[in-house]
Amino acid sequence: MNSTPVAASIAFIAGLAGAVQISIQARLGERVGSLEAIACTFVVASITALAVLVVVRRNLDGPRAGCSAPGGCCSAG
């Protein structure tokens, strides 16, 4: 199976999503401030990532194990 069309489609969708995200981030930054917009984006992205993880893996064992690791592991040190 040739995966080139799938990869091209994913790249195209990612490009569109990036453009939309920049536009939304700019509007949000005008309304509430840049730092608040970044914080809002971080919260939404974190919740979305956890939701996708639960749907795909059906559990939260990975993040739970990551949180119980020593501090040096999480800081790449």
C-alpha atoms as a PDB file:
ATOM      1  CA  MET A   1       0.000   0.000   0.000  1.00  0.00           C
ATOM      2  CA  ASN A   2       1.338   3.397  -1.002  1.00  0.00           C
ATOM      3  CA  SER A   3       1.241   5.779   1.953  1.00  0.00           C
ATOM      4  CA  THR A   4       2.168   8.928   0.023  1.00  0.00           C
ATOM      5  CA  PRO A   5      -1.452  10.130  -0.453  1.00  0.00           C
ATOM      6  CA  VAL A   6      -2.162   9.588   3.239  1.00  0.00           C
ATOM      7  CA  ALA A   7       0.954  11.509   4.260  1.00  0.00           C
ATOM      8  CA  ALA A   8       0.121  14.320   1.833  1.00  0.00           C
ATOM      9  CA  SER A   9      -3.421  14.535   3.189  1.00  0.00           C
ATOM     10  CA  ILE A  10      -2.195  14.684   6.776  1.00  0.00           C
ATOM     11  CA  ALA A  11       0.319  17.399   5.862  1.00  0.00           C
ATOM     12  CA  PHE A  12      -2.380  19.411   4.086  1.00  0.00           C
ATOM     13  CA  ILE A  13      -4.767  19.170   7.049  1.00  0.00           C
ATOM     14  CA  ALA A  14      -1.963  20.104   9.454  1.00  0.00           C
ATOM     15  CA  GLY A  15      -1.192  23.188   7.370  1.00  0.00           C
ATOM     16  CA  LEU A  16      -4.807  24.288   7.403  1.00  0.00           C
ATOM     17  CA  ALA A  17      -5.096  23.636  11.130  1.00  0.00           C
ATOM     18  CA  GLY A  18      -1.948  25.685  11.763  1.00  0.00           C
ATOM     19  CA  ALA A  19      -3.341  28.646   9.851  1.00  0.00           C
ATOM     20  CA  VAL A  20      -6.644  28.467  11.687  1.00  0.00           C
ATOM     21  CA  GLN A  21      -4.881  28.163  15.038  1.00  0.00           C
ATOM     22  CA  ILE A  22      -2.782  31.273  14.357  1.00  0.00           C
ATOM     23  CA  SER A  23      -5.886  33.260  13.488  1.00  0.00           C
ATOM     24  CA  ILE A  24      -7.759  32.130  16.592  1.00  0.00           C
ATOM     25  CA  GLN A  25      -4.733  32.736  18.811  1.00  0.00           C
ATOM     26  CA  ALA A  26      -4.380  36.288  17.475  1.00  0.00           C
ATOM     27  CA  ARG A  27      -8.036  37.104  18.149  1.00  0.00           C
ATOM     28  CA  LEU A  28      -7.888  35.598  21.604  1.00  0.00           C
ATOM     29  CA  GLY A  29      -4.698  37.546  22.324  1.00  0.00           C
ATOM     30  CA  GLU A  30      -6.414  40.799  21.356  1.00  0.00           C
ATOM     31  CA  ARG A  31      -9.333  40.091  23.674  1.00  0.00           C
ATOM     32  CA  VAL A  32      -7.650  38.746  26.806  1.00  0.00           C
ATOM     33  CA  GLY A  33      -3.904  39.341  26.360  1.00  0.00           C
ATOM     34  CA  SER A  34      -1.067  37.272  24.980  1.00  0.00           C
ATOM     35  CA  LEU A  35      -0.084  35.439  28.160  1.00  0.00           C
ATOM     36  CA  GLU A  36      -3.680  34.529  28.939  1.00  0.00           C
ATOM     37  CA  ALA A  37      -4.187  33.294  25.361  1.00  0.00           C
ATOM     38  CA  ILE A  38      -1.116  31.071  25.644  1.00  0.00           C
ATOM     39  CA  ALA A  39      -2.339  29.687  28.976  1.00  0.00           C
ATOM     40  CA  CYS A  40      -5.766  28.965  27.476  1.00  0.00           C
ATOM     41  CA  THR A  41      -4.170  27.198  24.513  1.00  0.00           C
ATOM     42  CA  PHE A  42      -2.014  25.111  26.853  1.00  0.00           C
ATOM     43  CA  VAL A  43      -5.032  24.014  28.904  1.00  0.00           C
ATOM     44  CA  VAL A  44      -7.095  23.133  25.823  1.00  0.00           C
ATOM     45  CA  ALA A  45      -4.186  21.217  24.242  1.00  0.00           C
ATOM     46  CA  SER A  46      -3.514  19.300  27.465  1.00  0.00           C
ATOM     47  CA  ILE A  47      -7.147  18.281  27.871  1.00  0.00           C
ATOM     48  CA  THR A  48      -7.341  17.276  24.199  1.00  0.00           C
ATOM     49  CA  ALA A  49      -4.144  15.212  24.461  1.00  0.00           C
ATOM     50  CA  LEU A  50      -5.429  13.392  27.534  1.00  0.00           C
ATOM     51  CA  ALA A  51      -8.775  12.724  25.839  1.00  0.00           C
ATOM     52  CA  VAL A  52      -7.036  11.285  22.767  1.00  0.00           C
ATOM     53  CA  LEU A  53      -4.809   9.184  25.018  1.00  0.00           C
ATOM     54  CA  VAL A  54      -7.807   7.750  26.850  1.00  0.00           C
ATOM     55  CA  VAL A  55      -9.595   6.968  23.575  1.00  0.00           C
ATOM     56  CA  VAL A  56      -6.554   5.340  21.955  1.00  0.00           C
ATOM     57  CA  ARG A  57      -5.003   3.553  24.944  1.00  0.00           C
ATOM     58  CA  ARG A  58      -8.150   3.093  27.071  1.00  0.00           C
ATOM     59  CA  ASN A  59      -6.241   4.058  30.231  1.00  0.00           C
ATOM     60  CA  LEU A  60      -3.960   6.658  31.790  1.00  0.00           C
ATOM     61  CA  ASP A  61      -1.147   4.323  32.854  1.00  0.00           C
ATOM     62  CA  GLY A  62       1.492   6.177  30.796  1.00  0.00           C
ATOM     63  CA  PRO A  63       0.932   9.661  32.279  1.00  0.00           C
ATOM     64  CA  ARG A  64       0.545   8.117  35.752  1.00  0.00           C
ATOM     65  CA  ALA A  65       3.914   6.377  35.391  1.00  0.00           C
ATOM     66  CA  GLY A  66       5.463   9.572  34.071  1.00  0.00           C
ATOM     67  CA  CYS A  67       4.255  11.561  37.064  1.00  0.00           C
ATOM     68  CA  SER A  68       5.709   9.009  39.480  1.00  0.00           C
ATOM     69  CA  ALA A  69       9.153   9.119  37.820  1.00  0.00           C
ATOM     70  CA  PRO A  70      12.001  10.997  39.537  1.00  0.00           C
ATOM     71  CA  GLY A  71      12.124  14.728  38.819  1.00  0.00           C
ATOM     72  CA  GLY A  72      15.296  14.483  36.756  1.00  0.00           C
ATOM     73  CA  CYS A  73      13.540  12.268  34.213  1.00  0.00           C
ATOM     74  CA  CYS A  74      10.895  14.896  33.486  1.00  0.00           C
ATOM     75  CA  SER A  75      13.380  17.732  33.136  1.00  0.00           C
ATOM     76  CA  ALA A  76      15.551  15.852  30.622  1.00  0.00           C
ATOM     77  CA  GLY A  77      18.425  16.108  33.038  1.00  0.00           C
END
